[in-house]
Amino acid sequence: MILVRGSGGGTDLTGTVFERGEDPPTYKGAPDEDASYVWVCDSFYQVESGGSALTVDGEEIRVAFEEPMPRGFDTKSAAIDAAEEHVRTQFARIGVDPDDVEVETTKADPA
């Protein structure tokens, strides 16, 4: 597993790239099981009421989560590029400049 973590506005978001041989979550909308790399991460957006509280740049906002939509890729670089773009997009959806988001990619410890 490869973890892709974005940090910005005082909060973080981490998603996972599953590699061939690893078992990504399976649910409606999951990519073809033959995909070499599968990216899975939450998607969210800011709402006026309801949702969950999240502190961004010292201000509490409300966010609602969408069902994660796994995406399959043939190459590791395509999966990581899409993961980084997804993370930056989620921050933009809650008012954080995507250029201010720090993205870190690490290999997960198998333990």
C-alpha atoms as a PDB file:
ATOM      1  CA  MET A   1       0.000   0.000   0.000  1.00  0.00           C
ATOM      2  CA  ILE A   2       1.035   3.504  -0.781  1.00  0.00           C
ATOM      3  CA  LEU A   3      -0.353   6.284   1.411  1.00  0.00           C
ATOM      4  CA  VAL A   4      -0.949   9.699  -0.129  1.00  0.00           C
ATOM      5  CA  ARG A   5      -1.426  12.359   2.536  1.00  0.00           C
ATOM      6  CA  GLY A   6      -2.304  15.985   1.999  1.00  0.00           C
ATOM      7  CA  SER A   7      -1.956  18.671   4.660  1.00  0.00           C
ATOM      8  CA  GLY A   8      -3.348  22.180   4.452  1.00  0.00           C
ATOM      9  CA  GLY A   9      -5.382  24.660   6.437  1.00  0.00           C
ATOM     10  CA  GLY A  10      -4.505  22.842   9.664  1.00  0.00           C
ATOM     11  CA  THR A  11      -6.093  19.548   8.624  1.00  0.00           C
ATOM     12  CA  ASP A  12      -5.072  16.374   6.795  1.00  0.00           C
ATOM     13  CA  LEU A  13      -6.505  13.878   4.333  1.00  0.00           C
ATOM     14  CA  THR A  14      -4.991  10.471   3.602  1.00  0.00           C
ATOM     15  CA  GLY A  15      -5.942   8.018   0.882  1.00  0.00           C
ATOM     16  CA  THR A  16      -4.508   4.668  -0.185  1.00  0.00           C
ATOM     17  CA  VAL A  17      -3.135   3.259  -3.422  1.00  0.00           C
ATOM     18  CA  PHE A  18      -3.424  -0.533  -3.325  1.00  0.00           C
ATOM     19  CA  GLU A  19      -0.892  -2.397  -5.436  1.00  0.00           C
ATOM     20  CA  ARG A  20      -1.345  -5.645  -7.377  1.00  0.00           C
ATOM     21  CA  GLY A  21      -1.667  -8.539  -4.931  1.00  0.00           C
ATOM     22  CA  GLU A  22      -3.230  -6.379  -2.207  1.00  0.00           C
ATOM     23  CA  ASP A  23      -6.961  -6.454  -1.570  1.00  0.00           C
ATOM     24  CA  PRO A  24      -8.596  -3.040  -1.921  1.00  0.00           C
ATOM     25  CA  PRO A  25     -12.046  -2.570  -0.402  1.00  0.00           C
ATOM     26  CA  THR A  26     -14.844  -3.932  -2.550  1.00  0.00           C
ATOM     27  CA  TYR A  27     -18.176  -2.168  -2.925  1.00  0.00           C
ATOM     28  CA  LYS A  28     -20.388  -0.678  -5.591  1.00  0.00           C
ATOM     29  CA  GLY A  29     -18.305   1.285  -8.065  1.00  0.00           C
ATOM     30  CA  ALA A  30     -15.045  -0.553  -7.346  1.00  0.00           C
ATOM     31  CA  PRO A  31     -12.725  -0.794 -10.362  1.00  0.00           C
ATOM     32  CA  ASP A  32     -11.979  -3.967 -12.247  1.00  0.00           C
ATOM     33  CA  GLU A  33     -10.167  -6.355  -9.903  1.00  0.00           C
ATOM     34  CA  ASP A  34      -7.499  -6.757 -12.587  1.00  0.00           C
ATOM     35  CA  ALA A  35      -6.326  -3.150 -12.177  1.00  0.00           C
ATOM     36  CA  SER A  36      -2.668  -3.041 -11.166  1.00  0.00           C
ATOM     37  CA  TYR A  37      -3.186  -0.065  -8.846  1.00  0.00           C
ATOM     38  CA  VAL A  38      -6.376   1.039  -7.078  1.00  0.00           C
ATOM     39  CA  TRP A  39      -6.764   4.498  -5.487  1.00  0.00           C
ATOM     40  CA  VAL A  40      -9.298   4.857  -2.639  1.00  0.00           C
ATOM     41  CA  CYS A  41      -9.979   8.053  -0.701  1.00  0.00           C
ATOM     42  CA  ASP A  42     -12.864  10.008   0.764  1.00  0.00           C
ATOM     43  CA  SER A  43     -14.441  12.874  -1.118  1.00  0.00           C
ATOM     44  CA  PHE A  44     -16.105  15.711   0.736  1.00  0.00           C
ATOM     45  CA  TYR A  45     -17.514  19.185   0.272  1.00  0.00           C
ATOM     46  CA  GLN A  46     -18.511  22.086   2.477  1.00  0.00           C
ATOM     47  CA  VAL A  47     -22.147  22.387   3.578  1.00  0.00           C
ATOM     48  CA  GLU A  48     -24.072  25.087   5.453  1.00  0.00           C
ATOM     49  CA  SER A  49     -25.580  22.708   8.018  1.00  0.00           C
ATOM     50  CA  GLY A  50     -25.454  19.051   8.977  1.00  0.00           C
ATOM     51  CA  GLY A  51     -22.402  17.047   8.044  1.00  0.00           C
ATOM     52  CA  SER A  52     -19.358  16.837  10.287  1.00  0.00           C
ATOM     53  CA  ALA A  53     -17.393  19.619  11.945  1.00  0.00           C
ATOM     54  CA  LEU A  54     -13.896  20.292  10.613  1.00  0.00           C
ATOM     55  CA  THR A  55     -11.495  23.063  11.618  1.00  0.00           C
ATOM     56  CA  VAL A  56      -9.804  24.727   8.647  1.00  0.00           C
ATOM     57  CA  ASP A  57      -7.446  27.671   9.134  1.00  0.00           C
ATOM     58  CA  GLY A  58      -8.772  28.040  12.690  1.00  0.00           C
ATOM     59  CA  GLU A  59     -12.417  28.260  11.610  1.00  0.00           C
ATOM     60  CA  GLU A  60     -14.979  25.503  12.076  1.00  0.00           C
ATOM     61  CA  ILE A  61     -16.792  24.500   8.904  1.00  0.00           C
ATOM     62  CA  ARG A  62     -19.229  21.667   8.132  1.00  0.00           C
ATOM     63  CA  VAL A  63     -18.417  18.995   5.556  1.00  0.00           C
ATOM     64  CA  ALA A  64     -20.414  16.170   4.026  1.00  0.00           C
ATOM     65  CA  PHE A  65     -18.761  13.025   2.725  1.00  0.00           C
ATOM     66  CA  GLU A  66     -19.483  11.268  -0.552  1.00  0.00           C
ATOM     67  CA  GLU A  67     -19.175   7.511  -0.986  1.00  0.00           C
ATOM     68  CA  PRO A  68     -15.554   6.708  -1.880  1.00  0.00           C
ATOM     69  CA  MET A  69     -15.160   5.849  -5.540  1.00  0.00           C
ATOM     70  CA  PRO A  70     -12.152   3.577  -6.068  1.00  0.00           C
ATOM     71  CA  ARG A  71     -10.316   4.138  -9.334  1.00  0.00           C
ATOM     72  CA  GLY A  72      -8.125   1.610 -11.113  1.00  0.00           C
ATOM     73  CA  PHE A  73      -4.879   2.410 -12.952  1.00  0.00           C
ATOM     74  CA  ASP A  74      -2.409   0.459 -15.049  1.00  0.00           C
ATOM     75  CA  THR A  75       0.695   2.198 -13.734  1.00  0.00           C
ATOM     76  CA  LYS A  76       1.954   3.308 -10.354  1.00  0.00           C
ATOM     77  CA  SER A  77       2.781   6.804 -11.600  1.00  0.00           C
ATOM     78  CA  ALA A  78      -0.739   7.295 -13.021  1.00  0.00           C
ATOM     79  CA  ALA A  79      -2.276   6.170  -9.711  1.00  0.00           C
ATOM     80  CA  ILE A  80      -0.069   8.484  -7.649  1.00  0.00           C
ATOM     81  CA  ASP A  81      -0.645  11.448  -9.991  1.00  0.00           C
ATOM     82  CA  ALA A  82      -4.424  10.943  -9.739  1.00  0.00           C
ATOM     83  CA  ALA A  83      -4.179  10.528  -5.954  1.00  0.00           C
ATOM     84  CA  GLU A  84      -2.267  13.784  -5.544  1.00  0.00           C
ATOM     85  CA  GLU A  85      -4.744  15.628  -7.775  1.00  0.00           C
ATOM     86  CA  HIS A  86      -7.692  14.165  -5.833  1.00  0.00           C
ATOM     87  CA  VAL A  87      -6.235  15.254  -2.494  1.00  0.00           C
ATOM     88  CA  ARG A  88      -5.603  18.805  -3.721  1.00  0.00           C
ATOM     89  CA  THR A  89      -9.136  18.947  -5.172  1.00  0.00           C
ATOM     90  CA  GLN A  90     -10.706  17.974  -1.837  1.00  0.00           C
ATOM     91  CA  PHE A  91      -8.885  20.804  -0.096  1.00  0.00           C
ATOM     92  CA  ALA A  92      -9.994  23.253  -2.801  1.00  0.00           C
ATOM     93  CA  ARG A  93     -13.599  22.167  -2.177  1.00  0.00           C
ATOM     94  CA  ILE A  94     -13.310  23.432   1.429  1.00  0.00           C
ATOM     95  CA  GLY A  95     -11.578  26.702   0.572  1.00  0.00           C
ATOM     96  CA  VAL A  96      -7.889  25.774   0.890  1.00  0.00           C
ATOM     97  CA  ASP A  97      -5.700  26.870  -2.029  1.00  0.00           C
ATOM     98  CA  PRO A  98      -4.512  23.627  -3.685  1.00  0.00           C
ATOM     99  CA  ASP A  99      -1.070  25.198  -4.177  1.00  0.00           C
ATOM    100  CA  ASP A 100      -0.782  25.510  -0.387  1.00  0.00           C
ATOM    101  CA  VAL A 101      -1.434  21.790   0.199  1.00  0.00           C
ATOM    102  CA  GLU A 102       1.619  19.710   1.040  1.00  0.00           C
ATOM    103  CA  VAL A 103       1.355  16.193  -0.388  1.00  0.00           C
ATOM    104  CA  GLU A 104       3.459  13.305   0.916  1.00  0.00           C
ATOM    105  CA  THR A 105       3.583   9.829  -0.602  1.00  0.00           C
ATOM    106  CA  THR A 106       4.883   6.957   1.534  1.00  0.00           C
ATOM    107  CA  LYS A 107       4.960   3.186   1.407  1.00  0.00           C
ATOM    108  CA  ALA A 108       2.761   1.812   4.193  1.00  0.00           C
ATOM    109  CA  ASP A 109       4.355  -0.423   6.823  1.00  0.00           C
ATOM    110  CA  PRO A 110       2.992  -3.951   6.205  1.00  0.00           C
ATOM    111  CA  ALA A 111       2.909  -4.729   9.958  1.00  0.00           C
END
